[in-house]
Amino acid sequence: TASEPRKADSAQAIVDAMPYMRSFYIIPRHQEWDSVFWEAYQDLLFHGQGTAEELAPETRAELEALLP
């Protein structure tokens, strides 16, 4: 609470909930999906190495292959 005093009233509730916390889970192969999305699409798009229209079709096929 020292770093964020506004959370002082909630601190104990957060600590009490910790045993029940888990990572965000969208799909079973989420980490792989995230890697493909960033490496094959988002990063290239950000660095001007292709347009959305150029990158999306191939990236979409790779991402869909990872879905359950």
C-alpha atoms as a PDB file:
ATOM      1  CA  THR A   1       0.000   0.000   0.000  1.00  0.00           C
ATOM      2  CA  ALA A   2       2.967   2.330   0.327  1.00  0.00           C
ATOM      3  CA  SER A   3       3.369   2.544  -3.437  1.00  0.00           C
ATOM      4  CA  GLU A   4      -0.364   3.013  -4.070  1.00  0.00           C
ATOM      5  CA  PRO A   5      -2.114   4.387  -0.980  1.00  0.00           C
ATOM      6  CA  ARG A   6      -5.527   4.490  -2.687  1.00  0.00           C
ATOM      7  CA  LYS A   7      -5.535   0.682  -2.577  1.00  0.00           C
ATOM      8  CA  ALA A   8      -5.080   0.478   1.190  1.00  0.00           C
ATOM      9  CA  ASP A   9      -8.734  -0.361   1.799  1.00  0.00           C
ATOM     10  CA  SER A  10      -8.603  -3.182  -0.788  1.00  0.00           C
ATOM     11  CA  ALA A  11      -5.192  -4.625   0.056  1.00  0.00           C
ATOM     12  CA  GLN A  12      -6.427  -7.382   2.376  1.00  0.00           C
ATOM     13  CA  ALA A  13      -9.125  -8.498  -0.055  1.00  0.00           C
ATOM     14  CA  ILE A  14      -6.497  -8.788  -2.793  1.00  0.00           C
ATOM     15  CA  VAL A  15      -4.172 -10.790  -0.544  1.00  0.00           C
ATOM     16  CA  ASP A  16      -7.044 -13.063   0.510  1.00  0.00           C
ATOM     17  CA  ALA A  17      -7.978 -13.713  -3.140  1.00  0.00           C
ATOM     18  CA  MET A  18      -4.442 -14.657  -4.212  1.00  0.00           C
ATOM     19  CA  PRO A  19      -4.877 -18.435  -3.732  1.00  0.00           C
ATOM     20  CA  TYR A  20      -7.729 -18.330  -6.243  1.00  0.00           C
ATOM     21  CA  MET A  21      -6.058 -16.166  -8.895  1.00  0.00           C
ATOM     22  CA  ARG A  22      -5.018 -17.622 -12.220  1.00  0.00           C
ATOM     23  CA  SER A  23      -3.637 -16.304 -15.453  1.00  0.00           C
ATOM     24  CA  PHE A  24      -5.891 -14.944 -18.149  1.00  0.00           C
ATOM     25  CA  TYR A  25      -6.966 -17.852 -20.327  1.00  0.00           C
ATOM     26  CA  ILE A  26      -8.623 -17.444 -23.699  1.00  0.00           C
ATOM     27  CA  ILE A  27      -7.713 -20.548 -25.663  1.00  0.00           C
ATOM     28  CA  PRO A  28      -5.593 -23.596 -24.800  1.00  0.00           C
ATOM     29  CA  ARG A  29      -2.717 -22.469 -27.033  1.00  0.00           C
ATOM     30  CA  HIS A  30      -2.956 -18.778 -26.158  1.00  0.00           C
ATOM     31  CA  GLN A  31       0.808 -18.251 -25.823  1.00  0.00           C
ATOM     32  CA  GLU A  32       1.411 -19.656 -29.291  1.00  0.00           C
ATOM     33  CA  TRP A  33      -1.466 -17.592 -30.688  1.00  0.00           C
ATOM     34  CA  ASP A  34      -0.042 -14.456 -29.085  1.00  0.00           C
ATOM     35  CA  SER A  35       3.434 -15.140 -30.503  1.00  0.00           C
ATOM     36  CA  VAL A  36       2.111 -15.638 -34.040  1.00  0.00           C
ATOM     37  CA  PHE A  37      -0.082 -12.534 -33.793  1.00  0.00           C
ATOM     38  CA  TRP A  38       2.801 -10.323 -32.689  1.00  0.00           C
ATOM     39  CA  GLU A  39       5.592 -11.807 -34.790  1.00  0.00           C
ATOM     40  CA  ALA A  40       3.725 -12.408 -38.055  1.00  0.00           C
ATOM     41  CA  TYR A  41       1.353  -9.455 -37.971  1.00  0.00           C
ATOM     42  CA  GLN A  42       1.487  -6.735 -35.335  1.00  0.00           C
ATOM     43  CA  ASP A  43       5.269  -6.237 -35.210  1.00  0.00           C
ATOM     44  CA  LEU A  44       5.561  -6.182 -39.012  1.00  0.00           C
ATOM     45  CA  LEU A  45       2.652  -3.755 -39.233  1.00  0.00           C
ATOM     46  CA  PHE A  46       4.174  -1.435 -36.613  1.00  0.00           C
ATOM     47  CA  HIS A  47       7.499  -1.390 -38.443  1.00  0.00           C
ATOM     48  CA  GLY A  48       5.999  -0.707 -41.866  1.00  0.00           C
ATOM     49  CA  GLN A  49       6.945  -4.106 -43.249  1.00  0.00           C
ATOM     50  CA  GLY A  50       3.512  -4.682 -44.741  1.00  0.00           C
ATOM     51  CA  THR A  51      -0.054  -3.423 -44.641  1.00  0.00           C
ATOM     52  CA  ALA A  52      -2.927  -4.996 -42.783  1.00  0.00           C
ATOM     53  CA  GLU A  53      -4.363  -6.143 -46.092  1.00  0.00           C
ATOM     54  CA  GLU A  54      -1.100  -7.855 -47.033  1.00  0.00           C
ATOM     55  CA  LEU A  55      -0.327  -9.451 -43.682  1.00  0.00           C
ATOM     56  CA  ALA A  56      -3.799 -10.489 -42.519  1.00  0.00           C
ATOM     57  CA  PRO A  57      -4.590 -13.401 -44.856  1.00  0.00           C
ATOM     58  CA  GLU A  58      -1.527 -15.498 -44.023  1.00  0.00           C
ATOM     59  CA  THR A  59      -1.574 -14.529 -40.368  1.00  0.00           C
ATOM     60  CA  ARG A  60      -5.261 -15.392 -40.115  1.00  0.00           C
ATOM     61  CA  ALA A  61      -4.605 -18.910 -41.428  1.00  0.00           C
ATOM     62  CA  GLU A  62      -1.827 -19.414 -38.866  1.00  0.00           C
ATOM     63  CA  LEU A  63      -3.986 -18.108 -36.015  1.00  0.00           C
ATOM     64  CA  GLU A  64      -7.018 -20.176 -36.974  1.00  0.00           C
ATOM     65  CA  ALA A  65      -4.852 -23.308 -37.029  1.00  0.00           C
ATOM     66  CA  LEU A  66      -4.150 -22.738 -33.332  1.00  0.00           C
ATOM     67  CA  LEU A  67      -7.790 -22.423 -32.288  1.00  0.00           C
ATOM     68  CA  PRO A  68      -9.541 -25.403 -30.703  1.00  0.00           C
END
